[in-house]
Amino acid sequence: MSQLINVNDKVYEELTTLKKIQKGSYSEVIQQLLDSKKSASPKFDFKLILENAKLRGEKYKGKREVIDHDAIVYGVSREGS
């Protein structure tokens, strides 16, 4: 199935140049550009997530809740505190 898209002249010229270099179609060129964009996206890992959480925690100005872990272990409700 083919669809018509509108692009400005500069984009069309760049796509045409890439098409001539690769000796392929516009669809192949666009697909390759989209695939390269996916692989260039940043990868998130737990180390980065923890660093960001610590930074947010340092900037937090609200009320801090103190958790009594012993009370939780022995089944005492925290709702009354």
PDB file of N, CA and C in Angstrom:
ATOM      1  N   MET A   1       0.848  -1.166   0.000  1.00  0.00           N
ATOM      2  CA  MET A   1       0.000   0.000   0.000  1.00  0.00           C
ATOM      3  C   MET A   1       0.896   1.231   0.000  1.00  0.00           C
ATOM      4  N   SER A   2       0.541   2.193  -0.780  1.00  0.00           N
ATOM      5  CA  SER A   2       1.335   3.413  -0.800  1.00  0.00           C
ATOM      6  C   SER A   2       0.498   4.572  -0.298  1.00  0.00           C
ATOM      7  N   GLN A   3       1.150   5.473   0.386  1.00  0.00           N
ATOM      8  CA  GLN A   3       0.517   6.675   0.915  1.00  0.00           C
ATOM      9  C   GLN A   3       1.336   7.867   0.454  1.00  0.00           C
ATOM     10  N   LEU A   4       0.689   8.970   0.326  1.00  0.00           N
ATOM     11  CA  LEU A   4       1.348  10.195  -0.084  1.00  0.00           C
ATOM     12  C   LEU A   4       1.658  11.031   1.151  1.00  0.00           C
ATOM     13  N   ILE A   5       2.903  11.512   1.253  1.00  0.00           N
ATOM     14  CA  ILE A   5       3.278  12.396   2.357  1.00  0.00           C
ATOM     15  C   ILE A   5       3.834  13.686   1.783  1.00  0.00           C
ATOM     16  N   ASN A   6       3.725  14.740   2.533  1.00  0.00           N
ATOM     17  CA  ASN A   6       4.270  16.032   2.124  1.00  0.00           C
ATOM     18  C   ASN A   6       5.483  16.347   2.982  1.00  0.00           C
ATOM     19  N   VAL A   7       6.583  16.687   2.323  1.00  0.00           N
ATOM     20  CA  VAL A   7       7.794  17.107   3.024  1.00  0.00           C
ATOM     21  C   VAL A   7       8.297  18.380   2.351  1.00  0.00           C
ATOM     22  N   ASN A   8       9.059  19.148   3.104  1.00  0.00           N
ATOM     23  CA  ASN A   8       9.575  20.376   2.501  1.00  0.00           C
ATOM     24  C   ASN A   8      10.706  20.038   1.529  1.00  0.00           C
ATOM     25  N   ASP A   9      11.126  21.017   0.760  1.00  0.00           N
ATOM     26  CA  ASP A   9      12.106  20.800  -0.308  1.00  0.00           C
ATOM     27  C   ASP A   9      13.453  20.309   0.217  1.00  0.00           C
ATOM     28  N   LYS A  10      13.879  20.852   1.356  1.00  0.00           N
ATOM     29  CA  LYS A  10      15.177  20.468   1.907  1.00  0.00           C
ATOM     30  C   LYS A  10      15.179  18.986   2.294  1.00  0.00           C
ATOM     31  N   VAL A  11      14.112  18.526   2.940  1.00  0.00           N
ATOM     32  CA  VAL A  11      14.007  17.122   3.339  1.00  0.00           C
ATOM     33  C   VAL A  11      13.956  16.236   2.102  1.00  0.00           C
ATOM     34  N   TYR A  12      13.206  16.654   1.091  1.00  0.00           N
ATOM     35  CA  TYR A  12      13.105  15.881  -0.143  1.00  0.00           C
ATOM     36  C   TYR A  12      14.472  15.734  -0.810  1.00  0.00           C
ATOM     37  N   GLU A  13      15.248  16.807  -0.842  1.00  0.00           N
ATOM     38  CA  GLU A  13      16.581  16.759  -1.448  1.00  0.00           C
ATOM     39  C   GLU A  13      17.490  15.793  -0.686  1.00  0.00           C
ATOM     40  N   GLU A  14      17.433  15.832   0.647  1.00  0.00           N
ATOM     41  CA  GLU A  14      18.264  14.923   1.441  1.00  0.00           C
ATOM     42  C   GLU A  14      17.839  13.472   1.250  1.00  0.00           C
ATOM     43  N   LEU A  15      16.526  13.214   1.216  1.00  0.00           N
ATOM     44  CA  LEU A  15      16.047  11.857   0.975  1.00  0.00           C
ATOM     45  C   LEU A  15      16.465  11.365  -0.409  1.00  0.00           C
ATOM     46  N   THR A  16      16.389  12.243  -1.399  1.00  0.00           N
ATOM     47  CA  THR A  16      16.786  11.866  -2.757  1.00  0.00           C
ATOM     48  C   THR A  16      18.274  11.557  -2.812  1.00  0.00           C
ATOM     49  N   THR A  17      19.078  12.336  -2.127  1.00  0.00           N
ATOM     50  CA  THR A  17      20.517  12.080  -2.087  1.00  0.00           C
ATOM     51  C   THR A  17      20.811  10.726  -1.439  1.00  0.00           C
ATOM     52  N   LEU A  18      20.174  10.450  -0.298  1.00  0.00           N
ATOM     53  CA  LEU A  18      20.368   9.162   0.368  1.00  0.00           C
ATOM     54  C   LEU A  18      19.867   8.010  -0.502  1.00  0.00           C
ATOM     55  N   LYS A  19      18.779   8.230  -1.217  1.00  0.00           N
ATOM     56  CA  LYS A  19      18.221   7.202  -2.097  1.00  0.00           C
ATOM     57  C   LYS A  19      19.204   6.869  -3.212  1.00  0.00           C
ATOM     58  N   LYS A  20      19.823   7.890  -3.780  1.00  0.00           N
ATOM     59  CA  LYS A  20      20.788   7.654  -4.867  1.00  0.00           C
ATOM     60  C   LYS A  20      22.045   6.962  -4.358  1.00  0.00           C
ATOM     61  N   ILE A  21      22.487   7.314  -3.156  1.00  0.00           N
ATOM     62  CA  ILE A  21      23.682   6.694  -2.579  1.00  0.00           C
ATOM     63  C   ILE A  21      23.435   5.221  -2.303  1.00  0.00           C
ATOM     64  N   GLN A  22      22.280   4.905  -1.739  1.00  0.00           N
ATOM     65  CA  GLN A  22      21.971   3.525  -1.357  1.00  0.00           C
ATOM     66  C   GLN A  22      21.387   2.715  -2.508  1.00  0.00           C
ATOM     67  N   LYS A  23      21.043   3.387  -3.598  1.00  0.00           N
ATOM     68  CA  LYS A  23      20.431   2.733  -4.758  1.00  0.00           C
ATOM     69  C   LYS A  23      19.209   1.926  -4.344  1.00  0.00           C
ATOM     70  N   GLY A  24      18.336   2.564  -3.577  1.00  0.00           N
ATOM     71  CA  GLY A  24      17.120   1.925  -3.100  1.00  0.00           C
ATOM     72  C   GLY A  24      15.933   2.825  -3.327  1.00  0.00           C
ATOM     73  N   SER A  25      14.879   2.546  -2.611  1.00  0.00           N
ATOM     74  CA  SER A  25      13.665   3.351  -2.728  1.00  0.00           C
ATOM     75  C   SER A  25      13.570   4.325  -1.554  1.00  0.00           C
ATOM     76  N   TYR A  26      12.630   5.242  -1.687  1.00  0.00           N
ATOM     77  CA  TYR A  26      12.409   6.192  -0.599  1.00  0.00           C
ATOM     78  C   TYR A  26      11.952   5.451   0.664  1.00  0.00           C
ATOM     79  N   SER A  27      11.131   4.444   0.491  1.00  0.00           N
ATOM     80  CA  SER A  27      10.646   3.673   1.641  1.00  0.00           C
ATOM     81  C   SER A  27      11.796   3.021   2.396  1.00  0.00           C
ATOM     82  N   GLU A  28      12.749   2.451   1.666  1.00  0.00           N
ATOM     83  CA  GLU A  28      13.897   1.811   2.313  1.00  0.00           C
ATOM     84  C   GLU A  28      14.737   2.833   3.064  1.00  0.00           C
ATOM     85  N   VAL A  29      14.923   3.997   2.472  1.00  0.00           N
ATOM     86  CA  VAL A  29      15.719   5.049   3.114  1.00  0.00           C
ATOM     87  C   VAL A  29      15.039   5.519   4.393  1.00  0.00           C
ATOM     88  N   ILE A  30      13.743   5.760   4.316  1.00  0.00           N
ATOM     89  CA  ILE A  30      13.007   6.227   5.492  1.00  0.00           C
ATOM     90  C   ILE A  30      12.993   5.161   6.575  1.00  0.00           C
ATOM     91  N   GLN A  31      12.808   3.891   6.187  1.00  0.00           N
ATOM     92  CA  GLN A  31      12.806   2.795   7.157  1.00  0.00           C
ATOM     93  C   GLN A  31      14.158   2.695   7.861  1.00  0.00           C
ATOM     94  N   GLN A  32      15.235   2.834   7.116  1.00  0.00           N
ATOM     95  CA  GLN A  32      16.570   2.780   7.706  1.00  0.00           C
ATOM     96  C   GLN A  32      16.783   3.943   8.682  1.00  0.00           C
ATOM     97  N   LEU A  33      16.311   5.129   8.345  1.00  0.00           N
ATOM     98  CA  LEU A  33      16.435   6.279   9.238  1.00  0.00           C
ATOM     99  C   LEU A  33      15.637   6.068  10.518  1.00  0.00           C
ATOM    100  N   LEU A  34      14.443   5.504  10.394  1.00  0.00           N
ATOM    101  CA  LEU A  34      13.627   5.234  11.580  1.00  0.00           C
ATOM    102  C   LEU A  34      14.261   4.164  12.453  1.00  0.00           C
ATOM    103  N   ASP A  35      14.823   3.128  11.851  1.00  0.00           N
ATOM    104  CA  ASP A  35      15.482   2.071  12.622  1.00  0.00           C
ATOM    105  C   ASP A  35      16.714   2.597  13.355  1.00  0.00           C
ATOM    106  N   SER A  36      17.465   3.480  12.698  1.00  0.00           N
ATOM    107  CA  SER A  36      18.652   4.031  13.359  1.00  0.00           C
ATOM    108  C   SER A  36      18.245   4.935  14.521  1.00  0.00           C
ATOM    109  N   LYS A  37      17.102   5.590  14.413  1.00  0.00           N
ATOM    110  CA  LYS A  37      16.601   6.439  15.500  1.00  0.00           C
ATOM    111  C   LYS A  37      16.220   5.592  16.713  1.00  0.00           C
ATOM    112  N   LYS A  38      15.623   4.417  16.471  1.00  0.00           N
ATOM    113  CA  LYS A  38      15.252   3.531  17.564  1.00  0.00           C
ATOM    114  C   LYS A  38      16.477   3.022  18.303  1.00  0.00           C
ATOM    115  N   SER A  39      17.517   2.674  17.577  1.00  0.00           N
ATOM    116  CA  SER A  39      18.701   2.125  18.224  1.00  0.00           C
ATOM    117  C   SER A  39      19.503   3.207  18.948  1.00  0.00           C
ATOM    118  N   ALA A  40      19.293   4.469  18.597  1.00  0.00           N
ATOM    119  CA  ALA A  40      20.034   5.557  19.232  1.00  0.00           C
ATOM    120  C   ALA A  40      19.365   6.054  20.499  1.00  0.00           C
ATOM    121  N   SER A  41      18.171   5.546  20.819  1.00  0.00           N
ATOM    122  CA  SER A  41      17.483   6.009  22.016  1.00  0.00           C
ATOM    123  C   SER A  41      18.241   5.574  23.267  1.00  0.00           C
ATOM    124  N   PRO A  42      18.220   6.403  24.305  1.00  0.00           N
ATOM    125  CA  PRO A  42      18.974   6.070  25.509  1.00  0.00           C
ATOM    126  C   PRO A  42      18.399   4.851  26.216  1.00  0.00           C
ATOM    127  N   LYS A  43      19.271   4.059  26.796  1.00  0.00           N
ATOM    128  CA  LYS A  43      18.855   2.880  27.552  1.00  0.00           C
ATOM    129  C   LYS A  43      18.847   3.243  29.026  1.00  0.00           C
ATOM    130  N   PHE A  44      17.790   2.862  29.713  1.00  0.00           N
ATOM    131  CA  PHE A  44      17.676   3.141  31.130  1.00  0.00           C
ATOM    132  C   PHE A  44      18.005   1.881  31.912  1.00  0.00           C
ATOM    133  N   ASP A  45      18.790   2.035  32.932  1.00  0.00           N
ATOM    134  CA  ASP A  45      19.098   0.910  33.803  1.00  0.00           C
ATOM    135  C   ASP A  45      18.797   1.317  35.246  1.00  0.00           C
ATOM    136  N   PHE A  46      18.869   0.355  36.137  1.00  0.00           N
ATOM    137  CA  PHE A  46      18.510   0.624  37.522  1.00  0.00           C
ATOM    138  C   PHE A  46      19.456   1.629  38.172  1.00  0.00           C
ATOM    139  N   LYS A  47      20.710   1.639  37.777  1.00  0.00           N
ATOM    140  CA  LYS A  47      21.659   2.581  38.360  1.00  0.00           C
ATOM    141  C   LYS A  47      21.226   4.025  38.053  1.00  0.00           C
ATOM    142  N   LEU A  48      20.848   4.288  36.815  1.00  0.00           N
ATOM    143  CA  LEU A  48      20.406   5.622  36.428  1.00  0.00           C
ATOM    144  C   LEU A  48      19.101   5.992  37.123  1.00  0.00           C
ATOM    145  N   ILE A  49      18.190   5.037  37.236  1.00  0.00           N
ATOM    146  CA  ILE A  49      16.912   5.293  37.906  1.00  0.00           C
ATOM    147  C   ILE A  49      17.134   5.626  39.379  1.00  0.00           C
ATOM    148  N   LEU A  50      18.025   4.886  40.048  1.00  0.00           N
ATOM    149  CA  LEU A  50      18.305   5.153  41.460  1.00  0.00           C
ATOM    150  C   LEU A  50      18.968   6.513  41.664  1.00  0.00           C
ATOM    151  N   GLU A  51      19.889   6.882  40.766  1.00  0.00           N
ATOM    152  CA  GLU A  51      20.525   8.189  40.869  1.00  0.00           C
ATOM    153  C   GLU A  51      19.495   9.308  40.743  1.00  0.00           C
ATOM    154  N   ASN A  52      18.571   9.162  39.794  1.00  0.00           N
ATOM    155  CA  ASN A  52      17.527  10.181  39.619  1.00  0.00           C
ATOM    156  C   ASN A  52      16.602  10.232  40.823  1.00  0.00           C
ATOM    157  N   ALA A  53      16.280   9.086  41.416  1.00  0.00           N
ATOM    158  CA  ALA A  53      15.415   9.054  42.593  1.00  0.00           C
ATOM    159  C   ALA A  53      16.091   9.727  43.780  1.00  0.00           C
ATOM    160  N   LYS A  54      17.387   9.511  43.954  1.00  0.00           N
ATOM    161  CA  LYS A  54      18.119  10.156  45.047  1.00  0.00           C
ATOM    162  C   LYS A  54      18.148  11.672  44.865  1.00  0.00           C
ATOM    163  N   LEU A  55      18.330  12.126  43.629  1.00  0.00           N
ATOM    164  CA  LEU A  55      18.317  13.570  43.371  1.00  0.00           C
ATOM    165  C   LEU A  55      16.948  14.174  43.675  1.00  0.00           C
ATOM    166  N   ARG A  56      15.871  13.485  43.291  1.00  0.00           N
ATOM    167  CA  ARG A  56      14.535  13.973  43.613  1.00  0.00           C
ATOM    168  C   ARG A  56      14.306  13.983  45.118  1.00  0.00           C
ATOM    169  N   GLY A  57      14.845  12.973  45.819  1.00  0.00           N
ATOM    170  CA  GLY A  57      14.690  12.900  47.265  1.00  0.00           C
ATOM    171  C   GLY A  57      15.405  14.030  47.980  1.00  0.00           C
ATOM    172  N   GLU A  58      16.558  14.428  47.465  1.00  0.00           N
ATOM    173  CA  GLU A  58      17.302  15.527  48.081  1.00  0.00           C
ATOM    174  C   GLU A  58      16.572  16.855  47.909  1.00  0.00           C
ATOM    175  N   LYS A  59      15.851  17.013  46.823  1.00  0.00           N
ATOM    176  CA  LYS A  59      15.148  18.262  46.545  1.00  0.00           C
ATOM    177  C   LYS A  59      13.770  18.317  47.204  1.00  0.00           C
ATOM    178  N   TYR A  60      13.284  17.211  47.738  1.00  0.00           N
ATOM    179  CA  TYR A  60      11.935  17.136  48.307  1.00  0.00           C
ATOM    180  C   TYR A  60      11.845  17.965  49.576  1.00  0.00           C
ATOM    181  N   LYS A  61      10.840  18.826  49.649  1.00  0.00           N
ATOM    182  CA  LYS A  61      10.692  19.736  50.788  1.00  0.00           C
ATOM    183  C   LYS A  61       9.511  19.370  51.694  1.00  0.00           C
ATOM    184  N   GLY A  62       8.758  18.343  51.343  1.00  0.00           N
ATOM    185  CA  GLY A  62       7.558  17.999  52.100  1.00  0.00           C
ATOM    186  C   GLY A  62       7.849  17.229  53.371  1.00  0.00           C
ATOM    187  N   LYS A  63       6.765  16.787  54.036  1.00  0.00           N
ATOM    188  CA  LYS A  63       6.873  16.043  55.283  1.00  0.00           C
ATOM    189  C   LYS A  63       7.449  14.658  55.011  1.00  0.00           C
ATOM    190  N   ARG A  64       8.400  14.259  55.836  1.00  0.00           N
ATOM    191  CA  ARG A  64       9.013  12.946  55.698  1.00  0.00           C
ATOM    192  C   ARG A  64       8.406  12.002  56.717  1.00  0.00           C
ATOM    193  N   GLU A  65       8.025  10.844  56.260  1.00  0.00           N
ATOM    194  CA  GLU A  65       7.401   9.851  57.126  1.00  0.00           C
ATOM    195  C   GLU A  65       8.488   8.915  57.662  1.00  0.00           C
ATOM    196  N   VAL A  66       8.462   8.682  58.959  1.00  0.00           N
ATOM    197  CA  VAL A  66       9.391   7.752  59.589  1.00  0.00           C
ATOM    198  C   VAL A  66       8.693   6.407  59.702  1.00  0.00           C
ATOM    199  N   ILE A  67       9.312   5.377  59.183  1.00  0.00           N
ATOM    200  CA  ILE A  67       8.704   4.055  59.175  1.00  0.00           C
ATOM    201  C   ILE A  67       9.327   3.216  60.287  1.00  0.00           C
ATOM    202  N   ASP A  68       8.488   2.676  61.145  1.00  0.00           N
ATOM    203  CA  ASP A  68       8.934   1.774  62.197  1.00  0.00           C
ATOM    204  C   ASP A  68       8.813   0.346  61.654  1.00  0.00           C
ATOM    205  N   HIS A  69       9.917  -0.183  61.173  1.00  0.00           N
ATOM    206  CA  HIS A  69       9.903  -1.500  60.532  1.00  0.00           C
ATOM    207  C   HIS A  69       9.569  -2.614  61.524  1.00  0.00           C
ATOM    208  N   ASP A  70       9.938  -2.455  62.788  1.00  0.00           N
ATOM    209  CA  ASP A  70       9.599  -3.473  63.784  1.00  0.00           C
ATOM    210  C   ASP A  70       8.090  -3.582  63.954  1.00  0.00           C
ATOM    211  N   ALA A  71       7.401  -2.445  63.952  1.00  0.00           N
ATOM    212  CA  ALA A  71       5.955  -2.466  64.094  1.00  0.00           C
ATOM    213  C   ALA A  71       5.298  -3.138  62.890  1.00  0.00           C
ATOM    214  N   ILE A  72       5.860  -2.943  61.721  1.00  0.00           N
ATOM    215  CA  ILE A  72       5.318  -3.565  60.518  1.00  0.00           C
ATOM    216  C   ILE A  72       5.513  -5.068  60.573  1.00  0.00           C
ATOM    217  N   VAL A  73       6.689  -5.517  61.040  1.00  0.00           N
ATOM    218  CA  VAL A  73       6.982  -6.951  61.118  1.00  0.00           C
ATOM    219  C   VAL A  73       6.015  -7.632  62.051  1.00  0.00           C
ATOM    220  N   TYR A  74       5.671  -6.993  63.149  1.00  0.00           N
ATOM    221  CA  TYR A  74       4.789  -7.609  64.155  1.00  0.00           C
ATOM    222  C   TYR A  74       3.322  -7.349  63.862  1.00  0.00           C
ATOM    223  N   GLY A  75       2.992  -6.760  62.717  1.00  0.00           N
ATOM    224  CA  GLY A  75       1.607  -6.626  62.303  1.00  0.00           C
ATOM    225  C   GLY A  75       0.864  -5.460  62.891  1.00  0.00           C
ATOM    226  N   VAL A  76       1.562  -4.469  63.419  1.00  0.00           N
ATOM    227  CA  VAL A  76       0.892  -3.289  63.967  1.00  0.00           C
ATOM    228  C   VAL A  76       0.551  -2.360  62.791  1.00  0.00           C
ATOM    229  N   SER A  77      -0.677  -1.873  62.792  1.00  0.00           N
ATOM    230  CA  SER A  77      -1.130  -1.014  61.721  1.00  0.00           C
ATOM    231  C   SER A  77      -0.421   0.320  61.763  1.00  0.00           C
ATOM    232  N   ARG A  78      -0.118   0.881  60.588  1.00  0.00           N
ATOM    233  CA  ARG A  78       0.534   2.198  60.480  1.00  0.00           C
ATOM    234  C   ARG A  78      -0.490   3.303  60.298  1.00  0.00           C
ATOM    235  N   GLU A  79      -1.748   2.956  60.133  1.00  0.00           N
ATOM    236  CA  GLU A  79      -2.753   3.965  59.816  1.00  0.00           C
ATOM    237  C   GLU A  79      -2.985   4.952  60.954  1.00  0.00           C
ATOM    238  N   GLY A  80      -2.772   4.544  62.177  1.00  0.00           N
ATOM    239  CA  GLY A  80      -3.003   5.417  63.326  1.00  0.00           C
ATOM    240  C   GLY A  80      -1.869   6.400  63.574  1.00  0.00           C
ATOM    241  N   SER A  81      -0.747   6.234  62.918  1.00  0.00           N
ATOM    242  CA  SER A  81       0.395   7.100  63.195  1.00  0.00           C
ATOM    243  C   SER A  81       0.357   8.376  62.416  1.00  0.00           C
TER     244      SER A  81
END
